[in-house]
Amino acid sequence: MKLPKIHQKEPSKIELKKGKNYAWCSCGLSKRQPLCDGSHQGTDMSPTIFKVEETKEYYLCNCKHTKKHPFCDGSHSKI
């Protein structure tokens, strides 16, 4: 798999907790979008592991083309 599967062209608004590890799905195959469920197994892709510095709601990318993994940067508007 060279390009990720576009899950949807809108970000997910999700509350994330400060200091917790998260795994953002970069392949677009996860059934738990926008987070990873291991569906990338067998591809050359892997999730982006990240933490946030503040507990609040964030917009995570679902088109998988953001330049600011895992956060939405508006790339979906260009697809």
C-alpha atoms as a PDB file:
ATOM      1  CA  MET A   1       0.000   0.000   0.000  1.00  0.00           C
ATOM      2  CA  LYS A   2       1.593   3.242  -1.111  1.00  0.00           C
ATOM      3  CA  LEU A   3      -1.189   5.716  -0.348  1.00  0.00           C
ATOM      4  CA  PRO A   4      -3.550   5.544   2.610  1.00  0.00           C
ATOM      5  CA  LYS A   5      -7.229   4.792   2.135  1.00  0.00           C
ATOM      6  CA  ILE A   6      -9.334   7.918   2.630  1.00  0.00           C
ATOM      7  CA  HIS A   7     -11.699   7.087   5.477  1.00  0.00           C
ATOM      8  CA  GLN A   8     -13.734  10.278   5.070  1.00  0.00           C
ATOM      9  CA  LYS A   9     -13.149  13.852   3.980  1.00  0.00           C
ATOM     10  CA  GLU A  10     -13.974  15.384   7.360  1.00  0.00           C
ATOM     11  CA  PRO A  11     -11.988  15.235  10.592  1.00  0.00           C
ATOM     12  CA  SER A  12     -13.198  13.546  13.762  1.00  0.00           C
ATOM     13  CA  LYS A  13     -13.730  15.718  16.813  1.00  0.00           C
ATOM     14  CA  ILE A  14     -12.475  13.662  19.745  1.00  0.00           C
ATOM     15  CA  GLU A  15     -11.630  14.386  23.374  1.00  0.00           C
ATOM     16  CA  LEU A  16      -8.083  13.369  24.215  1.00  0.00           C
ATOM     17  CA  LYS A  17      -6.570  13.183  27.699  1.00  0.00           C
ATOM     18  CA  LYS A  18      -3.322  14.880  28.647  1.00  0.00           C
ATOM     19  CA  GLY A  19      -0.352  12.501  28.928  1.00  0.00           C
ATOM     20  CA  LYS A  20      -2.110   9.420  27.494  1.00  0.00           C
ATOM     21  CA  ASN A  21      -0.541   7.609  24.515  1.00  0.00           C
ATOM     22  CA  TYR A  22      -2.709   7.445  21.401  1.00  0.00           C
ATOM     23  CA  ALA A  23      -2.152   5.677  18.065  1.00  0.00           C
ATOM     24  CA  TRP A  24      -3.607   7.534  15.076  1.00  0.00           C
ATOM     25  CA  CYS A  25      -4.484   5.386  12.058  1.00  0.00           C
ATOM     26  CA  SER A  26      -2.364   6.498   9.106  1.00  0.00           C
ATOM     27  CA  CYS A  27      -3.454   3.761   6.675  1.00  0.00           C
ATOM     28  CA  GLY A  28      -7.206   4.421   6.689  1.00  0.00           C
ATOM     29  CA  LEU A  29      -8.077   0.751   7.277  1.00  0.00           C
ATOM     30  CA  SER A  30      -8.917   0.848  10.999  1.00  0.00           C
ATOM     31  CA  LYS A  31     -12.493   0.094  12.070  1.00  0.00           C
ATOM     32  CA  ARG A  32     -11.919   2.430  15.077  1.00  0.00           C
ATOM     33  CA  GLN A  33     -11.234   5.615  13.085  1.00  0.00           C
ATOM     34  CA  PRO A  34      -9.439   7.886  13.635  1.00  0.00           C
ATOM     35  CA  LEU A  35      -7.464   5.623  15.986  1.00  0.00           C
ATOM     36  CA  CYS A  36      -5.532   2.489  15.085  1.00  0.00           C
ATOM     37  CA  ASP A  37      -6.903  -1.028  15.578  1.00  0.00           C
ATOM     38  CA  GLY A  38      -3.961  -2.876  13.987  1.00  0.00           C
ATOM     39  CA  SER A  39      -5.521  -3.169  10.511  1.00  0.00           C
ATOM     40  CA  HIS A  40      -2.263  -1.886   8.985  1.00  0.00           C
ATOM     41  CA  GLN A  41      -0.676  -5.309   9.591  1.00  0.00           C
ATOM     42  CA  GLY A  42       0.729  -6.588   6.306  1.00  0.00           C
ATOM     43  CA  THR A  43       1.127  -3.100   4.835  1.00  0.00           C
ATOM     44  CA  ASP A  44       4.186  -0.849   4.854  1.00  0.00           C
ATOM     45  CA  MET A  45       2.309   1.694   7.005  1.00  0.00           C
ATOM     46  CA  SER A  46       2.255   2.150  10.758  1.00  0.00           C
ATOM     47  CA  PRO A  47       0.282   4.339  13.162  1.00  0.00           C
ATOM     48  CA  THR A  48       1.449   7.685  14.487  1.00  0.00           C
ATOM     49  CA  ILE A  49       1.941   7.443  18.257  1.00  0.00           C
ATOM     50  CA  PHE A  50       1.307  10.724  20.057  1.00  0.00           C
ATOM     51  CA  LYS A  51       0.333  12.463  23.306  1.00  0.00           C
ATOM     52  CA  VAL A  52      -1.396  15.786  23.859  1.00  0.00           C
ATOM     53  CA  GLU A  53      -0.350  18.440  26.345  1.00  0.00           C
ATOM     54  CA  GLU A  54      -3.888  19.405  27.338  1.00  0.00           C
ATOM     55  CA  THR A  55      -7.122  17.473  27.909  1.00  0.00           C
ATOM     56  CA  LYS A  56      -9.624  18.882  25.407  1.00  0.00           C
ATOM     57  CA  GLU A  57     -11.337  18.168  22.084  1.00  0.00           C
ATOM     58  CA  TYR A  58      -9.117  17.885  19.018  1.00  0.00           C
ATOM     59  CA  TYR A  59      -9.808  17.422  15.309  1.00  0.00           C
ATOM     60  CA  LEU A  60      -8.016  14.321  14.021  1.00  0.00           C
ATOM     61  CA  CYS A  61      -7.505  13.759  10.313  1.00  0.00           C
ATOM     62  CA  ASN A  62      -9.618  11.122   8.547  1.00  0.00           C
ATOM     63  CA  CYS A  63      -8.497  11.760   4.958  1.00  0.00           C
ATOM     64  CA  LYS A  64      -4.975  10.619   5.980  1.00  0.00           C
ATOM     65  CA  HIS A  65      -3.283  13.321   3.892  1.00  0.00           C
ATOM     66  CA  THR A  66      -2.570  15.866   6.643  1.00  0.00           C
ATOM     67  CA  LYS A  67       0.953  17.235   6.961  1.00  0.00           C
ATOM     68  CA  LYS A  68       0.395  17.641  10.737  1.00  0.00           C
ATOM     69  CA  HIS A  69      -0.132  13.971  11.745  1.00  0.00           C
ATOM     70  CA  PRO A  70      -2.502  13.261  13.458  1.00  0.00           C
ATOM     71  CA  PHE A  71      -4.251  16.632  13.435  1.00  0.00           C
ATOM     72  CA  CYS A  72      -6.420  17.931  10.603  1.00  0.00           C
ATOM     73  CA  ASP A  73      -4.749  20.674   8.535  1.00  0.00           C
ATOM     74  CA  GLY A  74      -7.522  21.075   5.942  1.00  0.00           C
ATOM     75  CA  SER A  75      -5.919  18.754   3.363  1.00  0.00           C
ATOM     76  CA  HIS A  76      -9.305  17.067   2.842  1.00  0.00           C
ATOM     77  CA  SER A  77     -10.519  20.189   1.030  1.00  0.00           C
ATOM     78  CA  LYS A  78      -7.937  19.555  -1.713  1.00  0.00           C
ATOM     79  CA  ILE A  79      -8.850  15.923  -2.396  1.00  0.00           C
END
